[in-house]
């Protein structure tokens, strides 16, 4: 009996092989799988990260209280409501860029970005992982400093979008900066300078009236003061103003972080 072997015709020019995956379904599946490895590593340093957030948040807020000759109720409320901002800044703007630096030094950075998954899904998974990861330390810092200062907060529903936007902004800018700047030394210098600027010159736990007019004008365009404004508005009454402008500034910085991320991803293709 003669049999005829069936042969598959080779793909014509310009036709993609069937093994190449694309489309929204592949993107969503990649997004679902990507956080697995970072979550495994995050379990090891998550407690240390929470401790760092408490020190940066509650610890620095208490230290600022020593600068006042007398801490009245309004001053204590200002310090307490600035604590969440101090606690949210370290993870996204300081720890995440340094984590990318460490991956570059260990040689795992290029491996992660060589995985067969859309790079936009990889970046999105980072945003979705680190944004909620910064919230427990922030809440713990707020509880600690509220008990220590003995203040009464007036929590409103505004605190939910305010905290989520601030956390997402910090993660987006920090990750975008780490991708856009390929030199780890430059990233380390920038994160060190940010720590200095935030702790000494940002009106987060004290009123902006304590600053010269020109310096306050600069902070109105930076994310640190505006983070404090929107979070303070969700925790108190009468201490925050210009909410619309602050939300717009934070939104602009978030989009800028995504733009830096997109540029960094495109440059690696």
C-alpha atoms as a PDB file:
ATOM      1  CA  UNK A   1       0.000   0.000   0.000  1.00  0.00           C
ATOM      2  CA  UNK A   2       1.366   3.310  -0.992  1.00  0.00           C
ATOM      3  CA  UNK A   3       1.002   6.164   1.456  1.00  0.00           C
ATOM      4  CA  UNK A   4       1.471   9.766   0.721  1.00  0.00           C
ATOM      5  CA  UNK A   5       3.137  11.863   3.388  1.00  0.00           C
ATOM      6  CA  UNK A   6       1.349  15.075   4.076  1.00  0.00           C
ATOM      7  CA  UNK A   7       3.714  17.971   4.233  1.00  0.00           C
ATOM      8  CA  UNK A   8       2.929  21.336   5.713  1.00  0.00           C
ATOM      9  CA  UNK A   9       3.659  24.208   3.457  1.00  0.00           C
ATOM     10  CA  UNK A  10       6.220  26.620   4.935  1.00  0.00           C
ATOM     11  CA  UNK A  11       4.852  29.997   6.036  1.00  0.00           C
ATOM     12  CA  UNK A  12       4.882  32.539   3.284  1.00  0.00           C
ATOM     13  CA  UNK A  13       6.971  35.647   3.521  1.00  0.00           C
ATOM     14  CA  UNK A  14       5.629  38.064   6.090  1.00  0.00           C
ATOM     15  CA  UNK A  15       3.483  35.394   7.758  1.00  0.00           C
ATOM     16  CA  UNK A  16       4.150  34.966  11.481  1.00  0.00           C
ATOM     17  CA  UNK A  17       4.771  31.440  12.793  1.00  0.00           C
ATOM     18  CA  UNK A  18       1.913  30.054  14.884  1.00  0.00           C
ATOM     19  CA  UNK A  19       4.196  29.770  17.923  1.00  0.00           C
ATOM     20  CA  UNK A  20       4.448  33.537  18.269  1.00  0.00           C
ATOM     21  CA  UNK A  21       1.910  34.721  20.812  1.00  0.00           C
ATOM     22  CA  UNK A  22       0.254  38.086  20.710  1.00  0.00           C
ATOM     23  CA  UNK A  23      -2.992  39.821  21.457  1.00  0.00           C
ATOM     24  CA  UNK A  24      -4.843  40.896  24.568  1.00  0.00           C
ATOM     25  CA  UNK A  25      -5.199  37.347  25.884  1.00  0.00           C
ATOM     26  CA  UNK A  26      -1.452  36.725  25.810  1.00  0.00           C
ATOM     27  CA  UNK A  27      -0.857  40.129  27.456  1.00  0.00           C
ATOM     28  CA  UNK A  28      -3.263  39.356  30.310  1.00  0.00           C
ATOM     29  CA  UNK A  29      -1.809  35.867  30.824  1.00  0.00           C
ATOM     30  CA  UNK A  30       1.677  37.365  30.952  1.00  0.00           C
ATOM     31  CA  UNK A  31       0.498  39.986  33.425  1.00  0.00           C
ATOM     32  CA  UNK A  32      -0.924  37.223  35.612  1.00  0.00           C
ATOM     33  CA  UNK A  33       2.310  35.203  35.574  1.00  0.00           C
ATOM     34  CA  UNK A  34       4.854  38.009  35.884  1.00  0.00           C
ATOM     35  CA  UNK A  35       4.388  38.901  39.582  1.00  0.00           C
ATOM     36  CA  UNK A  36       5.137  35.312  40.704  1.00  0.00           C
ATOM     37  CA  UNK A  37       8.907  35.690  40.896  1.00  0.00           C
ATOM     38  CA  UNK A  38       8.935  39.191  42.447  1.00  0.00           C
ATOM     39  CA  UNK A  39       6.405  38.106  45.080  1.00  0.00           C
ATOM     40  CA  UNK A  40       8.628  35.196  46.048  1.00  0.00           C
ATOM     41  CA  UNK A  41      11.557  37.533  46.602  1.00  0.00           C
ATOM     42  CA  UNK A  42       9.387  40.180  48.243  1.00  0.00           C
ATOM     43  CA  UNK A  43       8.491  37.838  51.095  1.00  0.00           C
ATOM     44  CA  UNK A  44      12.115  37.937  52.216  1.00  0.00           C
ATOM     45  CA  UNK A  45      12.513  41.696  52.467  1.00  0.00           C
ATOM     46  CA  UNK A  46       8.899  42.835  53.033  1.00  0.00           C
ATOM     47  CA  UNK A  47       9.284  42.929  56.853  1.00  0.00           C
ATOM     48  CA  UNK A  48      12.465  44.995  56.555  1.00  0.00           C
ATOM     49  CA  UNK A  49      10.695  47.317  54.125  1.00  0.00           C
ATOM     50  CA  UNK A  50       7.832  47.823  56.603  1.00  0.00           C
ATOM     51  CA  UNK A  51      10.350  48.628  59.344  1.00  0.00           C
ATOM     52  CA  UNK A  52      12.040  51.168  57.058  1.00  0.00           C
ATOM     53  CA  UNK A  53       8.675  52.765  56.326  1.00  0.00           C
ATOM     54  CA  UNK A  54       7.896  53.042  60.040  1.00  0.00           C
ATOM     55  CA  UNK A  55      11.275  54.663  60.718  1.00  0.00           C
ATOM     56  CA  UNK A  56      10.887  57.042  57.791  1.00  0.00           C
ATOM     57  CA  UNK A  57       7.273  57.795  58.630  1.00  0.00           C
ATOM     58  CA  UNK A  58       6.579  57.651  62.354  1.00  0.00           C
ATOM     59  CA  UNK A  59      10.223  57.995  63.386  1.00  0.00           C
ATOM     60  CA  UNK A  60      10.850  61.153  61.379  1.00  0.00           C
ATOM     61  CA  UNK A  61       7.486  62.628  62.373  1.00  0.00           C
ATOM     62  CA  UNK A  62       8.325  62.201  66.056  1.00  0.00           C
ATOM     63  CA  UNK A  63      11.772  63.687  65.475  1.00  0.00           C
ATOM     64  CA  UNK A  64      10.257  66.770  63.839  1.00  0.00           C
ATOM     65  CA  UNK A  65       8.189  67.236  66.985  1.00  0.00           C
ATOM     66  CA  UNK A  66      11.400  67.883  68.889  1.00  0.00           C
ATOM     67  CA  UNK A  67      12.029  70.960  66.733  1.00  0.00           C
ATOM     68  CA  UNK A  68       9.005  72.768  68.157  1.00  0.00           C
ATOM     69  CA  UNK A  69       9.355  74.439  71.568  1.00  0.00           C
ATOM     70  CA  UNK A  70       5.741  73.471  72.238  1.00  0.00           C
ATOM     71  CA  UNK A  71       3.671  70.972  70.289  1.00  0.00           C
ATOM     72  CA  UNK A  72       0.063  72.167  70.386  1.00  0.00           C
ATOM     73  CA  UNK A  73      -2.910  70.276  68.975  1.00  0.00           C
ATOM     74  CA  UNK A  74      -2.678  71.813  65.494  1.00  0.00           C
ATOM     75  CA  UNK A  75       1.063  71.157  65.249  1.00  0.00           C
ATOM     76  CA  UNK A  76       0.621  67.551  66.398  1.00  0.00           C
ATOM     77  CA  UNK A  77      -2.145  67.062  63.823  1.00  0.00           C
ATOM     78  CA  UNK A  78       0.074  68.509  61.094  1.00  0.00           C
ATOM     79  CA  UNK A  79       2.885  66.144  62.050  1.00  0.00           C
ATOM     80  CA  UNK A  80       0.601  63.096  62.243  1.00  0.00           C
ATOM     81  CA  UNK A  81      -1.108  63.735  58.908  1.00  0.00           C
ATOM     82  CA  UNK A  82       2.262  64.139  57.208  1.00  0.00           C
ATOM     83  CA  UNK A  83       3.378  60.695  58.357  1.00  0.00           C
ATOM     84  CA  UNK A  84       1.730  58.710  55.511  1.00  0.00           C
ATOM     85  CA  UNK A  85       3.596  60.789  52.926  1.00  0.00           C
ATOM     86  CA  UNK A  86       6.924  60.195  54.661  1.00  0.00           C
ATOM     87  CA  UNK A  87       6.142  56.457  54.765  1.00  0.00           C
ATOM     88  CA  UNK A  88       5.086  56.163  51.102  1.00  0.00           C
ATOM     89  CA  UNK A  89       8.154  57.869  49.653  1.00  0.00           C
ATOM     90  CA  UNK A  90      10.853  55.274  50.569  1.00  0.00           C
ATOM     91  CA  UNK A  91       9.446  52.240  48.746  1.00  0.00           C
ATOM     92  CA  UNK A  92       8.659  53.761  45.367  1.00  0.00           C
ATOM     93  CA  UNK A  93      11.213  56.546  45.065  1.00  0.00           C
ATOM     94  CA  UNK A  94      14.135  55.024  46.997  1.00  0.00           C
ATOM     95  CA  UNK A  95      13.920  51.243  47.479  1.00  0.00           C
ATOM     96  CA  UNK A  96      12.508  50.297  44.076  1.00  0.00           C
ATOM     97  CA  UNK A  97      15.239  52.102  42.068  1.00  0.00           C
ATOM     98  CA  UNK A  98      17.880  50.541  44.312  1.00  0.00           C
ATOM     99  CA  UNK A  99      16.263  47.136  43.747  1.00  0.00           C
ATOM    100  CA  UNK A 100      16.633  47.613  39.991  1.00  0.00           C
ATOM    101  CA  UNK A 101      20.257  48.610  40.571  1.00  0.00           C
ATOM    102  CA  UNK A 102      20.816  45.410  42.553  1.00  0.00           C
ATOM    103  CA  UNK A 103      19.269  43.342  39.753  1.00  0.00           C
ATOM    104  CA  UNK A 104      21.652  44.949  37.279  1.00  0.00           C
ATOM    105  CA  UNK A 105      24.644  44.134  39.476  1.00  0.00           C
ATOM    106  CA  UNK A 106      23.496  40.532  39.994  1.00  0.00           C
ATOM    107  CA  UNK A 107      22.826  40.042  36.296  1.00  0.00           C
ATOM    108  CA  UNK A 108      19.141  39.171  36.780  1.00  0.00           C
ATOM    109  CA  UNK A 109      17.825  42.401  35.259  1.00  0.00           C
ATOM    110  CA  UNK A 110      18.537  41.391  31.654  1.00  0.00           C
ATOM    111  CA  UNK A 111      17.193  37.882  32.306  1.00  0.00           C
ATOM    112  CA  UNK A 112      13.830  39.209  33.570  1.00  0.00           C
ATOM    113  CA  UNK A 113      13.440  41.477  30.547  1.00  0.00           C
ATOM    114  CA  UNK A 114      14.361  38.648  28.170  1.00  0.00           C
ATOM    115  CA  UNK A 115      11.422  36.491  29.262  1.00  0.00           C
ATOM    116  CA  UNK A 116       8.851  35.737  26.522  1.00  0.00           C
ATOM    117  CA  UNK A 117       6.297  38.251  27.780  1.00  0.00           C
ATOM    118  CA  UNK A 118       5.301  41.731  26.627  1.00  0.00           C
ATOM    119  CA  UNK A 119       7.465  44.289  28.352  1.00  0.00           C
ATOM    120  CA  UNK A 120       4.476  46.495  29.017  1.00  0.00           C
ATOM    121  CA  UNK A 121       2.981  43.597  30.984  1.00  0.00           C
ATOM    122  CA  UNK A 122       6.230  43.266  32.941  1.00  0.00           C
ATOM    123  CA  UNK A 123       6.181  46.966  33.818  1.00  0.00           C
ATOM    124  CA  UNK A 124       2.485  46.897  34.714  1.00  0.00           C
ATOM    125  CA  UNK A 125       3.058  43.935  37.023  1.00  0.00           C
ATOM    126  CA  UNK A 126       5.663  45.992  38.877  1.00  0.00           C
ATOM    127  CA  UNK A 127       3.181  48.819  39.394  1.00  0.00           C
ATOM    128  CA  UNK A 128       0.476  46.400  40.572  1.00  0.00           C
ATOM    129  CA  UNK A 129       2.849  44.621  42.961  1.00  0.00           C
ATOM    130  CA  UNK A 130       4.685  47.498  44.600  1.00  0.00           C
ATOM    131  CA  UNK A 131       1.773  49.940  44.907  1.00  0.00           C
ATOM    132  CA  UNK A 132      -0.248  47.847  47.413  1.00  0.00           C
ATOM    133  CA  UNK A 133       2.978  46.586  48.978  1.00  0.00           C
ATOM    134  CA  UNK A 134       3.687  50.104  50.256  1.00  0.00           C
ATOM    135  CA  UNK A 135       0.356  50.431  52.091  1.00  0.00           C
ATOM    136  CA  UNK A 136       0.834  48.227  55.231  1.00  0.00           C
ATOM    137  CA  UNK A 137       3.934  50.123  56.372  1.00  0.00           C
ATOM    138  CA  UNK A 138       2.174  53.423  55.757  1.00  0.00           C
ATOM    139  CA  UNK A 139      -0.857  52.396  57.842  1.00  0.00           C
ATOM    140  CA  UNK A 140       1.383  51.125  60.646  1.00  0.00           C
ATOM    141  CA  UNK A 141       3.324  54.390  60.667  1.00  0.00           C
ATOM    142  CA  UNK A 142       0.121  56.411  60.865  1.00  0.00           C
ATOM    143  CA  UNK A 143      -1.196  54.318  63.758  1.00  0.00           C
ATOM    144  CA  UNK A 144       2.072  54.615  65.695  1.00  0.00           C
ATOM    145  CA  UNK A 145       2.430  58.378  65.328  1.00  0.00           C
ATOM    146  CA  UNK A 146      -1.279  58.979  66.035  1.00  0.00           C
ATOM    147  CA  UNK A 147      -1.002  57.129  69.328  1.00  0.00           C
ATOM    148  CA  UNK A 148       2.230  58.879  70.254  1.00  0.00           C
ATOM    149  CA  UNK A 149       0.931  62.353  69.432  1.00  0.00           C
ATOM    150  CA  UNK A 150      -2.520  61.712  70.864  1.00  0.00           C
ATOM    151  CA  UNK A 151      -4.362  63.360  67.969  1.00  0.00           C
ATOM    152  CA  UNK A 152      -7.883  62.749  66.701  1.00  0.00           C
ATOM    153  CA  UNK A 153      -8.128  62.211  62.948  1.00  0.00           C
ATOM    154  CA  UNK A 154     -11.150  63.018  60.792  1.00  0.00           C
ATOM    155  CA  UNK A 155     -10.905  60.290  58.165  1.00  0.00           C
ATOM    156  CA  UNK A 156     -12.966  60.717  54.984  1.00  0.00           C
ATOM    157  CA  UNK A 157     -13.390  58.644  51.828  1.00  0.00           C
ATOM    158  CA  UNK A 158     -10.970  61.008  50.088  1.00  0.00           C
ATOM    159  CA  UNK A 159      -8.127  59.152  51.782  1.00  0.00           C
ATOM    160  CA  UNK A 160      -8.617  56.103  49.505  1.00  0.00           C
ATOM    161  CA  UNK A 161      -7.933  57.742  46.103  1.00  0.00           C
ATOM    162  CA  UNK A 162      -5.367  60.044  47.704  1.00  0.00           C
ATOM    163  CA  UNK A 163      -3.245  57.211  49.124  1.00  0.00           C
ATOM    164  CA  UNK A 164      -3.580  55.009  46.038  1.00  0.00           C
ATOM    165  CA  UNK A 165      -2.573  57.825  43.686  1.00  0.00           C
ATOM    166  CA  UNK A 166       0.385  58.817  45.882  1.00  0.00           C
ATOM    167  CA  UNK A 167       1.601  55.223  46.114  1.00  0.00           C
ATOM    168  CA  UNK A 168       1.196  54.660  42.373  1.00  0.00           C
ATOM    169  CA  UNK A 169       2.953  57.935  41.585  1.00  0.00           C
ATOM    170  CA  UNK A 170       5.948  57.082  43.777  1.00  0.00           C
ATOM    171  CA  UNK A 171       6.283  53.598  42.259  1.00  0.00           C
ATOM    172  CA  UNK A 172       5.820  54.894  38.686  1.00  0.00           C
ATOM    173  CA  UNK A 173       8.417  57.660  39.003  1.00  0.00           C
ATOM    174  CA  UNK A 174      10.906  55.468  40.867  1.00  0.00           C
ATOM    175  CA  UNK A 175      10.635  52.582  38.420  1.00  0.00           C
ATOM    176  CA  UNK A 176      10.624  54.871  35.387  1.00  0.00           C
ATOM    177  CA  UNK A 177      13.752  56.639  36.618  1.00  0.00           C
ATOM    178  CA  UNK A 178      15.508  53.309  37.212  1.00  0.00           C
ATOM    179  CA  UNK A 179      14.698  52.134  33.668  1.00  0.00           C
ATOM    180  CA  UNK A 180      15.467  55.425  31.932  1.00  0.00           C
ATOM    181  CA  UNK A 181      18.869  55.855  33.643  1.00  0.00           C
ATOM    182  CA  UNK A 182      21.089  52.901  32.855  1.00  0.00           C
ATOM    183  CA  UNK A 183      23.962  53.960  35.135  1.00  0.00           C
ATOM    184  CA  UNK A 184      23.334  52.556  38.656  1.00  0.00           C
ATOM    185  CA  UNK A 185      25.678  55.136  40.195  1.00  0.00           C
ATOM    186  CA  UNK A 186      23.591  58.018  38.829  1.00  0.00           C
ATOM    187  CA  UNK A 187      20.400  56.420  40.168  1.00  0.00           C
ATOM    188  CA  UNK A 188      21.979  56.032  43.623  1.00  0.00           C
ATOM    189  CA  UNK A 189      23.048  59.674  43.647  1.00  0.00           C
ATOM    190  CA  UNK A 190      19.527  60.812  42.703  1.00  0.00           C
ATOM    191  CA  UNK A 191      17.853  58.677  45.383  1.00  0.00           C
ATOM    192  CA  UNK A 192      20.294  59.979  48.012  1.00  0.00           C
ATOM    193  CA  UNK A 193      19.569  63.556  46.962  1.00  0.00           C
ATOM    194  CA  UNK A 194      15.819  62.886  47.132  1.00  0.00           C
ATOM    195  CA  UNK A 195      16.177  61.700  50.723  1.00  0.00           C
ATOM    196  CA  UNK A 196      17.986  64.918  51.606  1.00  0.00           C
ATOM    197  CA  UNK A 197      15.405  67.118  49.859  1.00  0.00           C
ATOM    198  CA  UNK A 198      12.403  65.325  51.363  1.00  0.00           C
ATOM    199  CA  UNK A 199      13.633  65.285  54.956  1.00  0.00           C
ATOM    200  CA  UNK A 200      14.976  68.825  55.154  1.00  0.00           C
ATOM    201  CA  UNK A 201      13.231  71.026  52.616  1.00  0.00           C
ATOM    202  CA  UNK A 202       9.785  69.555  51.869  1.00  0.00           C
ATOM    203  CA  UNK A 203       6.782  71.033  53.777  1.00  0.00           C
ATOM    204  CA  UNK A 204       5.290  67.670  54.658  1.00  0.00           C
ATOM    205  CA  UNK A 205       5.072  67.799  58.461  1.00  0.00           C
ATOM    206  CA  UNK A 206       5.158  71.585  58.765  1.00  0.00           C
ATOM    207  CA  UNK A 207       3.165  74.366  57.058  1.00  0.00           C
ATOM    208  CA  UNK A 208       4.523  75.741  53.762  1.00  0.00           C
ATOM    209  CA  UNK A 209       4.446  79.224  55.308  1.00  0.00           C
ATOM    210  CA  UNK A 210       7.702  78.270  57.062  1.00  0.00           C
ATOM    211  CA  UNK A 211       9.493  78.311  53.702  1.00  0.00           C
ATOM    212  CA  UNK A 212      10.570  81.267  51.532  1.00  0.00           C
ATOM    213  CA  UNK A 213       8.034  82.083  48.837  1.00  0.00           C
ATOM    214  CA  UNK A 214      10.262  80.967  45.954  1.00  0.00           C
ATOM    215  CA  UNK A 215      10.969  77.593  47.594  1.00  0.00           C
ATOM    216  CA  UNK A 216       7.279  76.979  48.238  1.00  0.00           C
ATOM    217  CA  UNK A 217       6.579  77.799  44.571  1.00  0.00           C
ATOM    218  CA  UNK A 218       9.074  75.093  43.579  1.00  0.00           C
ATOM    219  CA  UNK A 219       7.382  72.554  45.864  1.00  0.00           C
ATOM    220  CA  UNK A 220       4.011  73.271  44.320  1.00  0.00           C
ATOM    221  CA  UNK A 221       5.359  71.682  41.145  1.00  0.00           C
ATOM    222  CA  UNK A 222       7.094  68.788  42.939  1.00  0.00           C
ATOM    223  CA  UNK A 223       5.217  65.695  44.118  1.00  0.00           C
ATOM    224  CA  UNK A 224       6.228  65.654  47.801  1.00  0.00           C
ATOM    225  CA  UNK A 225       4.209  68.600  49.078  1.00  0.00           C
ATOM    226  CA  UNK A 226       1.232  67.710  46.889  1.00  0.00           C
ATOM    227  CA  UNK A 227       1.278  64.155  48.284  1.00  0.00           C
ATOM    228  CA  UNK A 228       1.002  65.601  51.779  1.00  0.00           C
ATOM    229  CA  UNK A 229      -1.840  67.914  50.720  1.00  0.00           C
ATOM    230  CA  UNK A 230      -4.157  65.233  49.309  1.00  0.00           C
ATOM    231  CA  UNK A 231      -3.476  62.738  52.118  1.00  0.00           C
ATOM    232  CA  UNK A 232      -3.878  65.422  54.792  1.00  0.00           C
ATOM    233  CA  UNK A 233      -7.226  66.378  53.267  1.00  0.00           C
ATOM    234  CA  UNK A 234      -8.409  62.792  53.773  1.00  0.00           C
ATOM    235  CA  UNK A 235      -7.293  62.713  57.414  1.00  0.00           C
ATOM    236  CA  UNK A 236      -8.272  66.142  58.712  1.00  0.00           C
ATOM    237  CA  UNK A 237     -10.521  69.126  58.175  1.00  0.00           C
ATOM    238  CA  UNK A 238      -9.263  72.615  57.405  1.00  0.00           C
ATOM    239  CA  UNK A 239      -5.539  71.866  57.070  1.00  0.00           C
ATOM    240  CA  UNK A 240      -5.381  71.288  53.295  1.00  0.00           C
ATOM    241  CA  UNK A 241      -6.366  73.437  50.332  1.00  0.00           C
ATOM    242  CA  UNK A 242      -5.815  73.518  46.553  1.00  0.00           C
ATOM    243  CA  UNK A 243      -6.811  69.871  46.234  1.00  0.00           C
ATOM    244  CA  UNK A 244      -7.575  70.082  42.523  1.00  0.00           C
ATOM    245  CA  UNK A 245      -4.148  71.478  41.713  1.00  0.00           C
ATOM    246  CA  UNK A 246      -2.454  68.878  43.927  1.00  0.00           C
ATOM    247  CA  UNK A 247      -4.283  65.977  42.255  1.00  0.00           C
ATOM    248  CA  UNK A 248      -3.369  67.360  38.835  1.00  0.00           C
ATOM    249  CA  UNK A 249       0.299  67.647  39.812  1.00  0.00           C
ATOM    250  CA  UNK A 250       0.341  64.068  41.128  1.00  0.00           C
ATOM    251  CA  UNK A 251      -1.402  62.839  37.983  1.00  0.00           C
ATOM    252  CA  UNK A 252       1.170  64.621  35.821  1.00  0.00           C
ATOM    253  CA  UNK A 253       4.061  63.025  37.743  1.00  0.00           C
ATOM    254  CA  UNK A 254       2.409  59.605  37.431  1.00  0.00           C
ATOM    255  CA  UNK A 255       2.108  59.994  33.672  1.00  0.00           C
ATOM    256  CA  UNK A 256       5.723  61.209  33.568  1.00  0.00           C
ATOM    257  CA  UNK A 257       6.752  58.010  35.369  1.00  0.00           C
ATOM    258  CA  UNK A 258       4.882  55.921  32.795  1.00  0.00           C
ATOM    259  CA  UNK A 259       6.524  57.918  29.991  1.00  0.00           C
ATOM    260  CA  UNK A 260       9.990  57.259  31.436  1.00  0.00           C
ATOM    261  CA  UNK A 261       9.095  53.576  31.774  1.00  0.00           C
ATOM    262  CA  UNK A 262       7.908  53.428  28.175  1.00  0.00           C
ATOM    263  CA  UNK A 263      11.046  55.168  26.965  1.00  0.00           C
ATOM    264  CA  UNK A 264      13.239  52.779  28.950  1.00  0.00           C
ATOM    265  CA  UNK A 265      11.367  49.769  27.568  1.00  0.00           C
ATOM    266  CA  UNK A 266      11.602  51.038  23.991  1.00  0.00           C
ATOM    267  CA  UNK A 267      15.300  51.709  24.326  1.00  0.00           C
ATOM    268  CA  UNK A 268      15.946  48.077  25.280  1.00  0.00           C
ATOM    269  CA  UNK A 269      14.275  46.610  22.173  1.00  0.00           C
END
